Protein backbone atom coordinates (compact mmCIF):
# COMPACT_ATOMS: atom_id res chain seq x y z
CA MET A 1 109.76 160.46 55.85
CA VAL A 2 106.96 158.25 57.16
CA LYS A 3 106.41 156.83 60.61
CA ALA A 4 106.20 153.05 61.02
CA VAL A 5 106.06 150.41 63.73
CA VAL A 6 107.59 147.00 63.10
CA ASP A 7 106.58 143.76 64.81
CA ILE A 8 109.82 141.75 64.89
CA GLU A 9 107.98 138.53 65.83
CA LYS A 10 105.27 138.57 63.15
CA CYS A 11 107.44 140.36 60.55
CA VAL A 12 104.73 142.92 59.80
CA MET A 13 104.69 146.68 59.81
CA SER A 14 102.16 149.47 60.21
CA VAL A 15 103.01 152.60 58.22
CA GLY A 16 101.79 156.16 57.95
CA GLY A 17 99.99 156.91 61.21
CA GLY A 18 100.10 160.36 62.73
CA LEU A 19 102.04 159.05 65.72
CA HIS A 20 104.01 155.88 66.34
CA ALA A 21 101.54 155.23 69.17
CA ASP A 22 98.69 155.07 66.61
CA GLU A 23 100.50 152.40 64.63
CA GLU A 24 101.42 150.57 67.83
CA SER A 25 97.73 150.50 68.87
CA TYR A 26 96.74 149.21 65.43
CA LEU A 27 99.14 146.28 65.71
CA LEU A 28 98.23 145.56 69.34
CA GLU A 29 94.56 145.34 68.36
CA ARG A 30 95.56 142.68 65.82
CA GLY A 31 97.40 140.45 68.26
CA SER A 32 100.93 141.84 68.35
CA ARG A 33 102.73 141.93 71.69
CA GLN A 34 104.09 145.29 72.79
CA GLU A 35 107.57 143.95 73.55
CA ASN A 36 107.93 143.03 69.85
CA LEU A 37 106.95 146.47 68.49
CA TRP A 38 109.58 149.06 67.60
CA GLY A 39 109.01 152.55 66.25
CA ILE A 40 110.99 153.83 63.29
CA ASN A 41 110.98 156.50 60.63
CA ILE A 42 111.38 155.40 57.02
CA HIS A 43 113.20 157.64 54.56
CA PRO A 44 112.19 156.12 51.17
CA ALA A 45 114.76 158.12 49.18
CA ARG A 46 117.62 156.45 51.08
CA ASP A 47 119.06 152.97 50.69
CA LEU A 48 119.10 150.46 53.52
CA PRO A 49 120.20 150.63 56.27
CA GLU A 50 120.09 154.46 56.22
CA MET A 51 116.45 154.26 55.13
CA VAL A 52 115.58 153.27 58.71
CA GLU A 53 115.85 155.84 61.49
CA PHE A 54 115.39 154.48 65.00
CA ASP A 55 113.71 157.34 66.82
CA SER A 56 110.42 156.92 68.66
CA VAL A 57 109.02 157.52 72.12
CA ILE A 58 107.46 154.03 72.07
CA ASN A 59 111.00 152.60 72.10
CA ILE A 60 111.66 153.88 75.63
CA ARG A 61 111.36 150.65 77.62
CA PRO A 62 113.47 150.40 80.75
CA ARG A 63 112.04 146.93 81.49
CA GLN A 64 113.60 145.76 78.21
CA ASP A 65 116.85 147.67 78.89
CA ASN A 66 116.03 150.23 76.20
CA ARG A 67 116.23 153.59 77.92
CA SER A 68 116.14 155.88 74.89
CA ARG A 69 114.13 156.63 71.76
CA TYR A 70 116.81 154.71 69.85
CA VAL A 71 116.82 150.88 69.64
CA GLU A 72 119.91 150.03 71.64
CA ASP A 73 120.03 146.26 70.94
CA SER A 74 121.88 145.67 67.67
CA SER A 75 120.12 142.34 67.05
CA ILE A 76 116.73 144.07 67.21
CA ARG A 77 117.94 146.80 64.87
CA GLU A 78 119.12 144.13 62.39
CA LYS A 79 115.72 142.38 62.53
CA VAL A 80 113.89 145.66 61.92
CA ILE A 81 116.11 146.54 58.97
CA ALA A 82 115.64 143.07 57.45
CA ILE A 83 111.85 143.32 57.79
CA VAL A 84 111.78 146.78 56.26
CA GLY A 85 113.96 145.51 53.43
CA LYS A 86 111.51 142.71 52.67
CA LEU A 87 108.38 144.85 52.90
CA VAL A 88 109.51 148.13 51.32
CA GLN A 89 111.86 147.20 48.51
């Protein structure tokens, strides 16, 4: 399992940091907007969509109606899975 943060606007991903917050900072420093960044865990031995696990503290965003570590909006989850599918496989 590796940690990753996906920018759903730019369709890029930062992978392998110690914490999701490290990857988030990396993308923010390169022009990403925080509201577009979602933390995931990638399980390379699994097929999509099970390869993507939505579990990160950076996903807790009450102002975006996401009140848990999970990504509650199904359209955001679909975007993340599609991006991972393009970049990983």
